[in-house]
Amino acid sequence: MLILSLAGVTKTFGGLVAVAGVSLGVERGQIVGLIGPNGAGKTTVFNIITGAVKPDDGHIFFSGRNLTGLRPHRIVALGIARTFQTIRLFPRLTVLDNVLSGCHCRLNSGVMASLLRLPSQRLEERLVLQRAMSELEFVGLAEVWSSPAGSLAYGDQRRLEIARALATEPKLLILDEPAGGMNEQETANLMGLVARIRDRDITVMLIEHDMGFVMRVCHRVLVMENGSLIAQGTPREVRSDPRVIEAYLGQGED
């Protein structure tokens, strides 16, 4: 069953066609990689899915609902969370506070309940704290919950971003180059984390330039070039596709 589908999605910036009529589907419970050369349009596709960019044409459906034109906070509330190419934490806030910021979309208490410290608000606050700590435990950062986020090592900051995204209770988690800048051991740990996220019945879609990461982790791979989808299939199928080889390596004399 498809959890996400794009139908004829197009986006131009001036005279540049960033995404050209892309149609694709992501099945529930899978880890799907979106790959392609720099400038292929991958991040623009992610921005369209999450509402940061409005498409010029086409439609985006999530769990049967049309997301086209919805604002990002509405899309998060429906169950899509993401991380970005560049780390976007609140560096002066604690690790815990960063994750708590991701819980905001699931809070029900209003301003008056918070000001009056009603029993329902206090209960919700305790539950949110427990959830945030649970996500930190899940990504292996519970012991540094009180540290400023900006003091963490690079790989830990990446995992903190994932914990914050998980705190929104997503059905689909979108990761934009999660292994970028990581060393070999950090990348191996991230592979395990992504697999454990999928085991929580969370579908994962990711952009990644580390082909070893993609081929080991993903069930299905989609390949873009010049704004278009040129190939899709299992990692083995995509790896041997002549169009993919040409897109990455260029057409050889033979």
Protein backbone atom coordinates (compact mmCIF):
# COMPACT_ATOMS: atom_id res chain seq x y z
CA MET A 1 0.00 0.00 0.00
CA LEU A 2 1.32 3.42 -0.93
CA ILE A 3 1.76 5.91 1.88
CA LEU A 4 3.04 8.68 -0.41
CA SER A 5 2.55 9.36 -4.10
CA LEU A 6 3.47 12.21 -6.41
CA ALA A 7 1.63 12.72 -9.69
CA GLY A 8 3.13 14.90 -12.42
CA VAL A 9 4.87 17.26 -9.99
CA THR A 10 6.65 20.17 -11.68
CA LYS A 11 8.57 23.12 -10.26
CA THR A 12 10.48 25.84 -12.07
CA PHE A 13 12.60 28.67 -10.69
CA GLY A 14 12.75 31.33 -13.37
CA GLY A 15 14.00 29.54 -16.46
CA LEU A 16 15.32 26.55 -14.50
CA VAL A 17 13.18 23.41 -14.44
CA ALA A 18 14.07 21.92 -11.05
CA VAL A 19 11.43 19.16 -11.12
CA ALA A 20 9.88 18.04 -14.42
CA GLY A 21 6.65 16.08 -14.14
CA VAL A 22 7.84 13.63 -11.48
CA SER A 23 5.51 10.79 -10.53
CA LEU A 24 6.54 8.31 -7.86
CA GLY A 25 5.21 6.15 -5.07
CA VAL A 26 6.51 5.12 -1.66
CA GLU A 27 5.13 1.98 -0.06
CA ARG A 28 4.28 1.91 3.61
CA GLY A 29 6.97 0.31 5.78
CA GLN A 30 9.84 0.68 3.31
CA ILE A 31 13.11 2.59 3.33
CA VAL A 32 13.34 4.41 0.00
CA GLY A 33 16.40 6.22 -1.30
CA LEU A 34 16.23 9.17 -3.69
CA ILE A 35 19.57 9.57 -5.44
CA GLY A 36 21.08 11.46 -8.34
CA PRO A 37 23.87 13.88 -9.26
CA ASN A 38 24.08 17.31 -7.65
CA GLY A 39 21.37 19.59 -9.04
CA ALA A 40 19.12 16.68 -10.03
CA GLY A 41 16.16 18.15 -8.10
CA LYS A 42 16.12 15.77 -5.13
CA THR A 43 15.92 18.34 -2.34
CA THR A 44 13.31 20.32 -4.28
CA VAL A 45 11.15 17.18 -4.32
CA PHE A 46 11.54 16.91 -0.54
CA ASN A 47 10.70 20.60 -0.14
CA ILE A 48 7.55 20.11 -2.22
CA ILE A 49 6.46 17.07 -0.20
CA THR A 50 6.91 18.92 3.11
CA GLY A 51 5.23 22.14 1.95
CA ALA A 52 8.31 24.37 1.94
CA VAL A 53 7.93 24.83 -1.82
CA LYS A 54 4.65 24.93 -3.72
CA PRO A 55 4.63 23.00 -7.02
CA ASP A 56 3.67 24.70 -10.26
CA ASP A 57 1.77 21.61 -11.34
CA GLY A 58 0.91 18.14 -10.09
CA HIS A 59 -0.34 16.69 -6.83
CA ILE A 60 1.05 15.09 -3.67
CA PHE A 61 -0.98 12.46 -1.81
CA PHE A 62 -0.21 11.14 1.67
CA SER A 63 -2.28 8.30 3.13
CA GLY A 64 -4.90 9.10 0.51
CA ARG A 65 -5.05 12.82 1.35
CA ASN A 66 -4.10 15.57 -1.08
CA LEU A 67 -1.29 17.63 0.50
CA THR A 68 -0.85 20.00 -2.43
CA GLY A 69 -0.73 23.59 -1.20
CA LEU A 70 -0.83 22.77 2.53
CA ARG A 71 1.53 24.71 4.79
CA PRO A 72 4.44 22.88 6.47
CA HIS A 73 2.95 22.82 9.98
CA ARG A 74 -0.22 21.19 8.64
CA ILE A 75 1.82 18.54 6.87
CA VAL A 76 3.82 17.81 10.04
CA ALA A 77 0.57 17.41 11.98
CA LEU A 78 -0.62 14.88 9.37
CA GLY A 79 2.46 12.74 9.98
CA ILE A 80 5.44 13.79 7.82
CA ALA A 81 8.65 14.91 9.52
CA ARG A 82 12.04 15.75 8.04
CA THR A 83 15.64 16.70 8.65
CA PHE A 84 17.74 18.97 6.45
CA GLN A 85 21.07 18.92 4.60
CA THR A 86 22.48 21.46 7.05
CA ILE A 87 21.95 21.02 10.78
CA ARG A 88 19.12 23.19 12.08
CA LEU A 89 19.14 22.84 15.84
CA PHE A 90 18.73 25.47 18.55
CA PRO A 91 22.39 25.36 19.62
CA ARG A 92 22.00 27.28 22.90
CA LEU A 93 19.04 25.22 24.09
CA THR A 94 19.58 21.89 25.80
CA VAL A 95 19.41 18.60 23.96
CA LEU A 96 16.10 17.88 25.74
CA ASP A 97 14.61 21.26 24.86
CA ASN A 98 15.40 20.68 21.19
CA VAL A 99 13.44 17.44 21.22
CA LEU A 100 10.61 19.06 23.18
CA SER A 101 10.27 21.61 20.38
CA GLY A 102 9.35 18.72 18.10
CA CYS A 103 6.53 17.67 20.44
CA HIS A 104 4.78 21.02 20.03
CA CYS A 105 2.51 19.88 17.19
CA ARG A 106 1.00 17.16 19.42
CA LEU A 107 0.14 19.39 22.40
CA ASN A 108 -3.51 20.09 23.19
CA SER A 109 -3.29 22.51 26.12
CA GLY A 110 -4.07 26.10 25.26
CA VAL A 111 -2.62 29.34 26.62
CA MET A 112 -5.06 29.61 29.52
CA ALA A 113 -4.51 26.02 30.63
CA SER A 114 -0.77 26.65 30.65
CA LEU A 115 -1.06 29.92 32.55
CA LEU A 116 -3.37 28.40 35.16
CA ARG A 117 -1.33 25.19 35.37
CA LEU A 118 -4.46 23.07 35.16
CA PRO A 119 -4.13 19.36 36.07
CA SER A 120 -4.65 18.36 32.42
CA GLN A 121 -1.82 20.65 31.34
CA ARG A 122 0.55 19.33 34.02
CA LEU A 123 -0.22 15.74 33.01
CA GLU A 124 0.39 16.54 29.36
CA GLU A 125 3.68 18.21 30.27
CA ARG A 126 4.86 15.10 32.13
CA LEU A 127 3.89 12.85 29.24
CA VAL A 128 5.70 15.07 26.75
CA LEU A 129 8.86 15.02 28.87
CA GLN A 130 8.68 11.24 29.02
CA ARG A 131 8.26 11.05 25.26
CA ALA A 132 11.18 13.39 24.61
CA MET A 133 13.45 11.39 26.90
CA SER A 134 12.29 8.19 25.23
CA GLU A 135 13.35 9.52 21.83
CA LEU A 136 16.73 10.58 23.23
CA GLU A 137 17.16 7.07 24.63
CA PHE A 138 16.22 5.65 21.24
CA VAL A 139 18.96 7.58 19.41
CA GLY A 140 21.51 7.11 22.20
CA LEU A 141 21.63 10.65 23.59
CA ALA A 142 19.76 10.32 26.90
CA GLU A 143 22.92 10.81 28.97
CA VAL A 144 23.57 14.27 27.50
CA TRP A 145 20.00 15.56 27.80
CA SER A 146 21.05 18.67 29.75
CA SER A 147 23.96 19.65 27.48
CA PRO A 148 23.63 22.55 25.01
CA ALA A 149 22.86 21.13 21.59
CA GLY A 150 25.68 23.13 20.05
CA SER A 151 28.24 21.38 22.24
CA LEU A 152 27.56 17.94 20.75
CA ALA A 153 29.82 16.29 18.21
CA TYR A 154 28.66 16.51 14.60
CA GLY A 155 27.31 12.97 14.41
CA ASP A 156 25.42 13.42 17.68
CA GLN A 157 23.83 16.60 16.37
CA ARG A 158 22.60 14.65 13.36
CA ARG A 159 21.04 12.05 15.67
CA LEU A 160 19.49 14.82 17.77
CA GLU A 161 17.78 16.19 14.67
CA ILE A 162 16.36 12.74 14.01
CA ALA A 163 15.13 12.50 17.63
CA ARG A 164 13.39 15.86 17.27
CA ALA A 165 11.73 14.72 14.04
CA LEU A 166 10.60 11.47 15.70
CA ALA A 167 9.05 13.50 18.54
CA THR A 168 6.44 14.77 16.06
CA GLU A 169 5.13 11.17 15.85
CA PRO A 170 5.59 10.79 12.08
CA LYS A 171 4.28 8.09 9.81
CA LEU A 172 6.84 9.14 7.18
CA LEU A 173 10.32 10.38 8.08
CA ILE A 174 12.26 12.25 5.39
CA LEU A 175 16.04 12.48 5.82
CA ASP A 176 18.06 14.82 3.61
CA GLU A 177 21.67 13.55 3.44
CA PRO A 178 21.68 12.15 7.00
CA ALA A 179 25.18 10.66 6.66
CA GLY A 180 26.72 13.80 5.19
CA GLY A 181 29.94 14.68 7.06
CA MET A 182 29.91 11.52 9.18
CA ASN A 183 32.89 9.23 9.61
CA GLU A 184 32.74 5.50 8.89
CA GLN A 185 31.69 4.46 12.40
CA GLU A 186 29.04 7.19 12.65
CA THR A 187 27.65 6.13 9.28
CA ALA A 188 27.47 2.49 10.39
CA ASN A 189 25.61 3.52 13.56
CA LEU A 190 23.22 5.61 11.47
CA MET A 191 22.42 2.62 9.26
CA GLY A 192 21.35 0.71 12.34
CA LEU A 193 19.28 3.64 13.58
CA VAL A 194 17.42 3.98 10.27
CA ALA A 195 16.62 0.27 10.32
CA ARG A 196 15.28 0.54 13.88
CA ILE A 197 13.11 3.49 12.86
CA ARG A 198 11.57 1.36 10.13
CA ASP A 199 10.98 -1.36 12.74
CA ARG A 200 8.76 1.16 14.54
CA ASP A 201 6.45 1.07 11.50
CA ILE A 202 7.74 4.44 10.30
CA THR A 203 8.34 4.69 6.56
CA VAL A 204 11.65 6.35 5.69
CA MET A 205 12.58 8.30 2.57
CA LEU A 206 16.11 9.64 2.26
CA ILE A 207 18.54 11.47 0.01
CA GLU A 208 22.08 10.24 0.33
CA HIS A 209 25.27 10.48 -1.75
CA ASP A 210 26.95 7.61 0.09
CA MET A 211 26.04 4.76 -2.27
CA GLY A 212 27.21 2.13 0.19
CA PHE A 213 24.70 3.50 2.70
CA VAL A 214 21.89 3.52 0.13
CA MET A 215 22.56 0.04 -1.21
CA ARG A 216 22.74 -1.52 2.26
CA VAL A 217 19.77 0.22 3.88
CA CYS A 218 17.15 0.90 1.21
CA HIS A 219 14.50 -1.50 -0.05
CA ARG A 220 13.88 0.63 -3.12
CA VAL A 221 15.87 3.34 -4.89
CA LEU A 222 14.61 6.19 -7.08
CA VAL A 223 17.04 8.00 -9.37
CA MET A 224 16.72 11.57 -10.63
CA GLU A 225 18.65 13.50 -13.25
CA ASN A 226 17.97 17.03 -14.51
CA GLY A 227 14.66 17.19 -12.66
CA SER A 228 13.30 13.91 -14.02
CA LEU A 229 12.95 10.42 -12.60
CA ILE A 230 15.10 8.20 -14.81
CA ALA A 231 15.09 4.88 -12.94
CA GLN A 232 13.60 3.05 -9.97
CA GLY A 233 13.81 -0.42 -8.51
CA THR A 234 15.68 -2.48 -5.98
CA PRO A 235 19.26 -1.43 -5.17
CA ARG A 236 20.59 -4.28 -7.35
CA GLU A 237 18.38 -3.27 -10.30
CA VAL A 238 19.28 0.39 -10.06
CA ARG A 239 23.00 -0.27 -9.64
CA SER A 240 23.13 -2.08 -12.98
CA ASP A 241 20.81 0.26 -14.92
CA PRO A 242 22.71 1.82 -17.88
CA ARG A 243 20.87 5.14 -17.45
CA VAL A 244 22.02 5.39 -13.84
CA ILE A 245 25.60 4.52 -14.73
CA GLU A 246 25.61 7.18 -17.44
CA ALA A 247 24.06 9.80 -15.13
CA TYR A 248 26.80 9.28 -12.53
CA LEU A 249 29.82 8.44 -14.70
CA GLY A 250 29.04 9.91 -18.11
CA GLN A 251 28.89 8.10 -21.45
CA GLY A 252 32.14 6.32 -22.16
CA GLU A 253 33.67 5.69 -25.58
CA ASP A 254 32.52 2.06 -25.47
